[in-house]
């Protein structure tokens, strides 16, 4: 591995401080010279220089990382930006050479991913499940490059592909516990994307179990979007209409985990007196400024940490094959920071730590209902 000794020294601090688990015993990155696709060994220094200029990342002193994101760009305050932050951290901590491409659309994914592989980059990071197929196709053509797919579950393990995945069930559980600490009406709503998508079902189930763990008698209104969904008003989308109906039925907390319809739901709740919301995936307070009045927190996937950890394992020569479970957490409380008491924060931390240690199960509901702190909120 290029400059492995230097990287090991730099990474030793990270490995000690990181909470990440040691990956299973896996094959190191293949460090043999390229054969079939590599130029033949040059006969003189001039030829050497030409090859270095054409494929600079073949230089033993360089560790190259490329990032491909979709058309929303690297400043989306969500997955893309978090992945770019991880790559920038690798530039600083691992002395990496980095670059990114903002793809123009799905039709360009394969070409953009391949461009980094053709330039002999050591690592290529791609973001979102929509890039999974393109990532796998290019990975099969360039076995010497390691690919990291964010939110890309790996159904078949390839030696040079890591899929960074997350437990939406745990994220939903944490959101449910938070909702249970806040609700005054003991009526709570869940608005999700299509039920056919596994992640949406996991969010919904986790939220329900977390909520019932702290408030067993809470009534839950749960709705999944589907192509047959109808709205009661021609002026409002399905998400907004559903949120409005739940609020009218006294739901004072709504957990929103799904797409464009979810965004509409958050915006509707922001206009509804005394109804609050919890977002999902990324920090929705950053993404939807006009919904900030209702957003207490979001159940987020820690993309930055997960991507950096996977890059670090590649740099150590211990690249992860297959799926790698990233961490999830609650986002900052932003406008409601002052309302979150020290008791409430400690309780949420203990729940998270208990899940991590296995003392608390995200598949049962009869474990937390005693001595649960309550939080009183006033809408901003």
Protein backbone atom coordinates (compact mmCIF):
# COMPACT_ATOMS: atom_id res chain seq x y z
CA UNK A 1 0.00 0.00 0.00
CA UNK A 2 1.29 3.45 -0.85
CA UNK A 3 3.10 5.16 1.98
CA UNK A 4 1.57 2.60 4.34
CA UNK A 5 3.93 3.15 7.24
CA UNK A 6 3.28 6.91 7.30
CA UNK A 7 -0.46 6.37 7.05
CA UNK A 8 -0.39 3.83 9.89
CA UNK A 9 1.28 6.35 12.17
CA UNK A 10 -1.25 9.05 11.31
CA UNK A 11 -4.15 6.66 11.65
CA UNK A 12 -3.06 5.25 15.02
CA UNK A 13 -4.53 8.30 16.76
CA UNK A 14 -7.77 7.91 14.83
CA UNK A 15 -8.03 4.18 15.62
CA UNK A 16 -7.55 4.78 19.36
CA UNK A 17 -10.12 7.58 19.52
CA UNK A 18 -12.66 6.16 17.08
CA UNK A 19 -15.69 4.33 18.44
CA UNK A 20 -15.83 2.26 15.29
CA UNK A 21 -15.67 -1.50 15.57
CA UNK A 22 -12.76 -3.38 14.04
CA UNK A 23 -13.91 -4.84 10.74
CA UNK A 24 -13.95 -8.59 10.21
CA UNK A 25 -10.85 -10.33 8.90
CA UNK A 26 -10.65 -9.22 5.31
CA UNK A 27 -8.24 -9.21 2.44
CA UNK A 28 -5.93 -6.23 2.12
CA UNK A 29 -6.01 -4.06 -0.95
CA UNK A 30 -4.16 -5.71 -3.79
CA UNK A 31 -0.87 -3.84 -4.08
CA UNK A 32 0.56 -5.70 -7.05
CA UNK A 33 1.37 -3.67 -10.11
CA UNK A 34 -1.32 -3.37 -12.78
CA UNK A 35 -0.72 -5.87 -15.58
CA UNK A 36 -3.24 -6.17 -18.39
CA UNK A 37 -4.44 -2.55 -18.33
CA UNK A 38 -1.11 -0.95 -17.36
CA UNK A 39 1.33 0.53 -19.87
CA UNK A 40 4.44 -1.58 -20.39
CA UNK A 41 7.45 -0.55 -18.32
CA UNK A 42 9.07 2.52 -19.90
CA UNK A 43 12.53 2.30 -21.33
CA UNK A 44 13.65 5.74 -20.21
CA UNK A 45 12.91 8.63 -17.82
CA UNK A 46 10.95 10.55 -20.47
CA UNK A 47 8.49 7.67 -20.79
CA UNK A 48 8.24 7.49 -16.99
CA UNK A 49 7.25 11.14 -16.87
CA UNK A 50 4.64 10.66 -19.58
CA UNK A 51 2.99 7.83 -17.64
CA UNK A 52 3.00 9.83 -14.40
CA UNK A 53 1.36 12.75 -16.16
CA UNK A 54 -1.30 10.49 -17.71
CA UNK A 55 -2.01 8.50 -14.53
CA UNK A 56 -0.75 10.68 -11.64
CA UNK A 57 -2.49 8.52 -9.04
CA UNK A 58 -0.15 5.64 -9.91
CA UNK A 59 2.50 7.65 -8.06
CA UNK A 60 3.45 5.67 -4.94
CA UNK A 61 3.48 8.88 -2.92
CA UNK A 62 -0.16 9.74 -3.68
CA UNK A 63 -3.34 8.40 -2.11
CA UNK A 64 -6.17 9.57 -4.38
CA UNK A 65 -9.84 9.83 -3.45
CA UNK A 66 -12.64 10.80 -5.85
CA UNK A 67 -16.22 11.63 -4.90
CA UNK A 68 -19.22 11.44 -7.25
CA UNK A 69 -22.49 13.07 -6.15
CA UNK A 70 -25.76 13.70 -7.93
CA UNK A 71 -27.04 16.95 -9.41
CA UNK A 72 -27.95 18.40 -5.99
CA UNK A 73 -24.23 19.09 -5.55
CA UNK A 74 -21.78 18.92 -2.67
CA UNK A 75 -23.40 21.78 -0.74
CA UNK A 76 -26.78 20.12 -0.20
CA UNK A 77 -26.62 20.17 3.64
CA UNK A 78 -27.29 16.42 3.46
CA UNK A 79 -25.60 13.22 2.28
CA UNK A 80 -23.45 14.78 -0.44
CA UNK A 81 -22.03 17.47 1.80
CA UNK A 82 -21.35 14.99 4.61
CA UNK A 83 -19.49 12.69 2.21
CA UNK A 84 -17.44 15.62 0.91
CA UNK A 85 -16.59 16.61 4.50
CA UNK A 86 -15.29 13.07 5.06
CA UNK A 87 -13.16 13.24 1.91
CA UNK A 88 -11.79 16.63 2.99
CA UNK A 89 -10.95 15.17 6.38
CA UNK A 90 -9.04 12.41 4.60
CA UNK A 91 -7.14 15.07 2.69
CA UNK A 92 -6.02 16.63 5.99
CA UNK A 93 -5.51 13.52 8.15
CA UNK A 94 -4.26 11.06 5.51
CA UNK A 95 -2.49 13.52 3.19
CA UNK A 96 -4.81 12.42 0.41
CA UNK A 97 -5.23 13.94 -3.03
CA UNK A 98 -8.94 14.58 -3.53
CA UNK A 99 -11.43 15.66 -6.19
CA UNK A 100 -15.17 15.51 -6.84
CA UNK A 101 -17.68 15.44 -9.67
CA UNK A 102 -21.23 16.79 -9.47
CA UNK A 103 -23.02 14.55 -11.93
CA UNK A 104 -25.69 16.04 -14.16
CA UNK A 105 -28.08 13.13 -13.75
CA UNK A 106 -28.52 9.33 -13.66
CA UNK A 107 -27.46 9.01 -17.28
CA UNK A 108 -24.05 10.42 -16.36
CA UNK A 109 -23.39 8.38 -13.19
CA UNK A 110 -21.48 5.55 -14.87
CA UNK A 111 -19.31 7.86 -16.97
CA UNK A 112 -18.43 10.08 -14.01
CA UNK A 113 -17.58 7.19 -11.70
CA UNK A 114 -15.49 5.57 -14.43
CA UNK A 115 -13.49 8.75 -15.01
CA UNK A 116 -11.87 8.47 -11.56
CA UNK A 117 -11.20 4.75 -12.00
CA UNK A 118 -9.57 5.38 -15.37
CA UNK A 119 -7.26 7.89 -13.71
CA UNK A 120 -6.21 5.16 -11.25
CA UNK A 121 -7.73 6.71 -8.13
CA UNK A 122 -7.28 4.54 -5.05
CA UNK A 123 -10.81 5.19 -3.70
CA UNK A 124 -14.02 6.34 -5.38
CA UNK A 125 -16.95 7.33 -3.15
CA UNK A 126 -20.47 7.43 -4.63
CA UNK A 127 -23.51 8.75 -2.79
CA UNK A 128 -27.10 7.43 -2.65
CA UNK A 129 -28.80 4.16 -3.53
CA UNK A 130 -29.51 5.51 -7.03
CA UNK A 131 -25.80 5.07 -7.85
CA UNK A 132 -25.55 1.45 -6.69
CA UNK A 133 -25.85 -0.21 -10.10
CA UNK A 134 -23.43 2.19 -11.78
CA UNK A 135 -20.94 1.79 -8.94
CA UNK A 136 -21.02 -2.01 -9.13
CA UNK A 137 -20.65 -2.01 -12.90
CA UNK A 138 -17.56 0.20 -12.85
CA UNK A 139 -16.14 -1.68 -9.84
CA UNK A 140 -16.28 -4.94 -11.79
CA UNK A 141 -14.16 -3.33 -14.52
CA UNK A 142 -11.56 -1.75 -12.21
CA UNK A 143 -10.62 -4.21 -9.45
CA UNK A 144 -7.58 -2.16 -8.36
CA UNK A 145 -9.76 0.77 -7.26
CA UNK A 146 -11.82 0.50 -4.07
CA UNK A 147 -15.39 1.82 -4.21
CA UNK A 148 -17.44 3.09 -1.28
CA UNK A 149 -21.19 3.26 -1.89
CA UNK A 150 -23.09 5.46 0.58
CA UNK A 151 -26.54 4.09 1.44
CA UNK A 152 -25.89 1.22 -0.99
CA UNK A 153 -26.73 -2.18 0.48
CA UNK A 154 -24.52 -4.91 -0.98
CA UNK A 155 -26.46 -8.06 -1.80
CA UNK A 156 -23.40 -9.74 -3.32
CA UNK A 157 -19.95 -9.13 -1.88
CA UNK A 158 -17.22 -7.79 -4.16
CA UNK A 159 -13.61 -7.56 -3.01
CA UNK A 160 -13.32 -3.90 -3.97
CA UNK A 161 -16.70 -2.52 -2.84
CA UNK A 162 -17.90 -1.31 0.57
CA UNK A 163 -21.54 -0.49 1.13
CA UNK A 164 -22.10 2.08 3.89
CA UNK A 165 -25.50 1.24 5.35
CA UNK A 166 -27.45 2.33 8.43
CA UNK A 167 -30.03 1.00 10.86
CA UNK A 168 -33.14 3.00 10.07
CA UNK A 169 -34.86 0.99 12.79
CA UNK A 170 -32.48 2.32 15.44
CA UNK A 171 -32.79 5.85 14.07
CA UNK A 172 -36.58 5.55 14.21
CA UNK A 173 -36.40 4.13 17.74
CA UNK A 174 -34.44 7.17 18.98
CA UNK A 175 -36.95 9.49 17.30
CA UNK A 176 -39.80 7.57 18.94
CA UNK A 177 -38.27 7.90 22.40
CA UNK A 178 -37.88 11.64 21.85
CA UNK A 179 -41.49 11.94 20.69
CA UNK A 180 -42.69 10.04 23.75
CA UNK A 181 -40.86 12.47 26.03
CA UNK A 182 -42.53 15.47 24.36
CA UNK A 183 -46.12 14.54 23.47
CA UNK A 184 -48.79 16.03 25.70
CA UNK A 185 -51.83 14.63 23.90
CA UNK A 186 -50.45 11.07 23.73
CA UNK A 187 -51.35 11.11 20.05
CA UNK A 188 -48.51 10.95 17.52
CA UNK A 189 -48.27 10.65 13.74
CA UNK A 190 -45.88 8.96 11.30
CA UNK A 191 -45.69 9.98 7.64
CA UNK A 192 -43.51 7.75 5.47
CA UNK A 193 -42.63 7.14 1.86
CA UNK A 194 -43.80 3.99 0.05
CA UNK A 195 -44.21 0.97 2.32
CA UNK A 196 -42.61 -1.21 -0.35
CA UNK A 197 -39.24 0.39 0.48
CA UNK A 198 -37.55 -1.47 3.34
CA UNK A 199 -36.01 1.67 4.84
CA UNK A 200 -39.42 3.28 5.26
CA UNK A 201 -40.83 0.24 7.05
CA UNK A 202 -37.79 0.14 9.32
CA UNK A 203 -38.17 3.80 10.26
CA UNK A 204 -41.86 3.28 11.02
CA UNK A 205 -41.36 0.12 13.09
CA UNK A 206 -38.43 1.57 15.02
CA UNK A 207 -40.34 4.76 15.79
CA UNK A 208 -43.36 2.82 17.04
CA UNK A 209 -41.24 0.62 19.32
CA UNK A 210 -39.27 3.56 20.70
CA UNK A 211 -42.44 5.55 21.37
CA UNK A 212 -44.24 2.64 23.03
CA UNK A 213 -41.16 2.02 25.21
CA UNK A 214 -41.65 5.36 26.96
CA UNK A 215 -45.39 6.01 26.42
CA UNK A 216 -47.13 2.61 26.05
CA UNK A 217 -50.65 4.04 25.74
CA UNK A 218 -49.90 6.55 22.99
CA UNK A 219 -52.18 6.45 19.93
CA UNK A 220 -50.24 6.32 16.65
CA UNK A 221 -51.54 7.51 13.28
CA UNK A 222 -49.35 5.95 10.58
CA UNK A 223 -49.54 6.60 6.83
CA UNK A 224 -47.36 5.36 3.95
CA UNK A 225 -47.41 7.11 0.59
CA UNK A 226 -48.26 5.11 -2.51
CA UNK A 227 -49.17 5.86 -6.11
CA UNK A 228 -52.86 5.41 -5.28
CA UNK A 229 -52.81 7.97 -2.46
CA UNK A 230 -55.50 10.60 -2.79
CA UNK A 231 -55.68 14.06 -1.27
CA UNK A 232 -58.71 15.75 0.19
CA UNK A 233 -57.81 19.16 -1.20
CA UNK A 234 -56.68 20.11 -4.69
CA UNK A 235 -54.49 22.81 -3.14
CA UNK A 236 -52.43 20.53 -0.91
CA UNK A 237 -50.17 17.57 -1.65
CA UNK A 238 -50.71 14.18 -0.04
CA UNK A 239 -47.98 14.86 2.53
CA UNK A 240 -49.41 18.23 3.54
CA UNK A 241 -52.99 16.90 3.65
CA UNK A 242 -51.98 13.91 5.77
CA UNK A 243 -50.08 16.12 8.22
CA UNK A 244 -53.03 18.50 8.46
CA UNK A 245 -55.46 15.62 9.15
CA UNK A 246 -53.20 14.19 11.86
CA UNK A 247 -52.91 17.58 13.55
CA UNK A 248 -56.70 17.96 13.42
CA UNK A 249 -56.92 14.63 15.28
CA UNK A 250 -54.72 16.04 18.09
CA UNK A 251 -51.38 14.54 17.05
CA UNK A 252 -48.86 16.97 18.56
CA UNK A 253 -45.73 15.21 17.22
CA UNK A 254 -45.33 13.95 13.64
CA UNK A 255 -42.33 11.88 12.55
CA UNK A 256 -41.66 12.45 8.84
CA UNK A 257 -39.34 10.10 6.95
CA UNK A 258 -40.24 10.30 3.28
CA UNK A 259 -39.10 12.35 0.27
CA UNK A 260 -40.90 15.25 -1.40
CA UNK A 261 -44.22 14.41 0.24
CA UNK A 262 -42.39 14.42 3.56
CA UNK A 263 -41.04 17.89 2.89
CA UNK A 264 -44.58 19.10 2.24
CA UNK A 265 -45.67 17.49 5.51
CA UNK A 266 -42.96 19.33 7.45
CA UNK A 267 -43.93 22.65 5.87
CA UNK A 268 -47.58 22.06 6.77
CA UNK A 269 -46.78 21.18 10.39
CA UNK A 270 -44.68 24.36 10.66
CA UNK A 271 -47.91 26.32 10.07
CA UNK A 272 -49.93 24.33 12.61
CA UNK A 273 -50.15 25.63 16.15
CA UNK A 274 -48.70 23.39 18.85
CA UNK A 275 -47.76 20.54 16.50
CA UNK A 276 -44.08 19.61 16.26
CA UNK A 277 -42.13 17.35 13.93
CA UNK A 278 -39.05 15.13 13.81
CA UNK A 279 -37.25 14.62 10.50
CA UNK A 280 -35.18 11.72 9.18
CA UNK A 281 -32.09 10.80 7.11
CA UNK A 282 -30.37 14.20 7.32
CA UNK A 283 -30.81 17.27 9.52
CA UNK A 284 -34.03 18.65 8.06
CA UNK A 285 -33.63 21.91 10.01
CA UNK A 286 -30.73 22.69 7.67
CA UNK A 287 -32.52 21.47 4.55
CA UNK A 288 -35.91 23.13 4.96
CA UNK A 289 -35.54 26.55 6.59
CA UNK A 290 -39.26 27.34 6.23
CA UNK A 291 -40.12 24.35 8.43
CA UNK A 292 -37.77 25.22 11.28
CA UNK A 293 -40.58 26.31 13.59
CA UNK A 294 -41.75 22.71 13.93
CA UNK A 295 -38.50 20.72 13.72
CA UNK A 296 -37.29 19.55 17.12
CA UNK A 297 -34.59 17.25 15.74
CA UNK A 298 -33.99 14.64 13.03
CA UNK A 299 -32.93 11.01 13.10
CA UNK A 300 -29.80 11.25 10.97
CA UNK A 301 -27.31 8.91 9.35
CA UNK A 302 -23.72 9.85 10.23
CA UNK A 303 -22.38 9.84 6.67
CA UNK A 304 -19.19 11.79 7.41
CA UNK A 305 -17.98 9.44 10.09
CA UNK A 306 -18.83 6.29 8.12
CA UNK A 307 -17.16 7.42 4.90
CA UNK A 308 -14.01 8.51 6.71
CA UNK A 309 -13.77 5.20 8.57
CA UNK A 310 -14.05 3.23 5.34
CA UNK A 311 -11.42 5.39 3.64
CA UNK A 312 -9.15 4.89 6.64
CA UNK A 313 -9.43 1.10 6.40
CA UNK A 314 -8.45 1.29 2.73
CA UNK A 315 -5.43 3.41 3.63
CA UNK A 316 -4.43 0.80 6.21
CA UNK A 317 -4.60 -1.96 3.61
CA UNK A 318 -7.63 -3.53 5.31
CA UNK A 319 -10.45 -2.43 3.02
CA UNK A 320 -13.93 -3.57 4.04
CA UNK A 321 -15.78 -5.83 1.65
CA UNK A 322 -19.56 -5.94 1.64
CA UNK A 323 -21.75 -3.99 4.05
CA UNK A 324 -20.44 -1.69 6.78
CA UNK A 325 -22.88 -0.44 9.41
CA UNK A 326 -22.61 3.29 9.99
CA UNK A 327 -23.85 5.11 13.08
CA UNK A 328 -27.13 6.97 13.50
CA UNK A 329 -27.99 9.71 15.98
CA UNK A 330 -30.37 12.53 16.76
CA UNK A 331 -29.45 15.85 15.16
CA UNK A 332 -29.01 19.00 17.27
CA UNK A 333 -32.18 20.51 18.73
CA UNK A 334 -31.41 23.92 17.18
CA UNK A 335 -34.22 26.33 18.12
CA UNK A 336 -35.30 24.06 20.98
CA UNK A 337 -31.88 23.57 22.60
CA UNK A 338 -32.87 25.59 25.68
CA UNK A 339 -35.99 23.49 26.19
CA UNK A 340 -34.06 20.21 26.36
CA UNK A 341 -33.21 19.73 30.01
CA UNK A 342 -30.03 18.06 31.23
CA UNK A 343 -32.17 15.18 32.49
CA UNK A 344 -33.70 14.68 29.05
CA UNK A 345 -30.30 14.78 27.33
CA UNK A 346 -28.83 12.25 29.74
CA UNK A 347 -31.81 9.95 29.24
CA UNK A 348 -31.46 10.06 25.44
CA UNK A 349 -27.72 9.38 25.72
CA UNK A 350 -28.36 6.43 28.03
CA UNK A 351 -30.87 5.01 25.54
CA UNK A 352 -28.38 5.34 22.69
CA UNK A 353 -25.58 3.78 24.75
CA UNK A 354 -27.90 0.99 25.85
CA UNK A 355 -28.76 0.14 22.25
CA UNK A 356 -25.06 0.15 21.33
CA UNK A 357 -24.19 -2.19 24.21
CA UNK A 358 -27.15 -4.50 23.59
CA UNK A 359 -28.80 -3.75 26.94
CA UNK A 360 -31.73 -2.09 25.18
CA UNK A 361 -33.46 -3.86 22.31
CA UNK A 362 -35.01 -1.94 19.42
CA UNK A 363 -37.37 -4.90 18.92
CA UNK A 364 -39.25 -4.70 22.24
CA UNK A 365 -41.38 -2.04 23.91
CA UNK A 366 -41.42 -2.94 27.61
CA UNK A 367 -38.10 -1.60 28.87
CA UNK A 368 -38.01 2.18 29.33
CA UNK A 369 -41.39 3.36 30.62
CA UNK A 370 -40.27 3.96 34.22
CA UNK A 371 -38.84 7.37 35.20
CA UNK A 372 -39.00 8.86 31.73
CA UNK A 373 -38.30 12.62 31.80
CA UNK A 374 -40.75 14.90 30.04
CA UNK A 375 -39.95 17.95 27.91
CA UNK A 376 -42.25 20.95 27.61
CA UNK A 377 -42.03 22.87 24.33
CA UNK A 378 -43.46 26.13 23.12
CA UNK A 379 -43.49 26.67 19.37
CA UNK A 380 -41.06 29.33 18.20
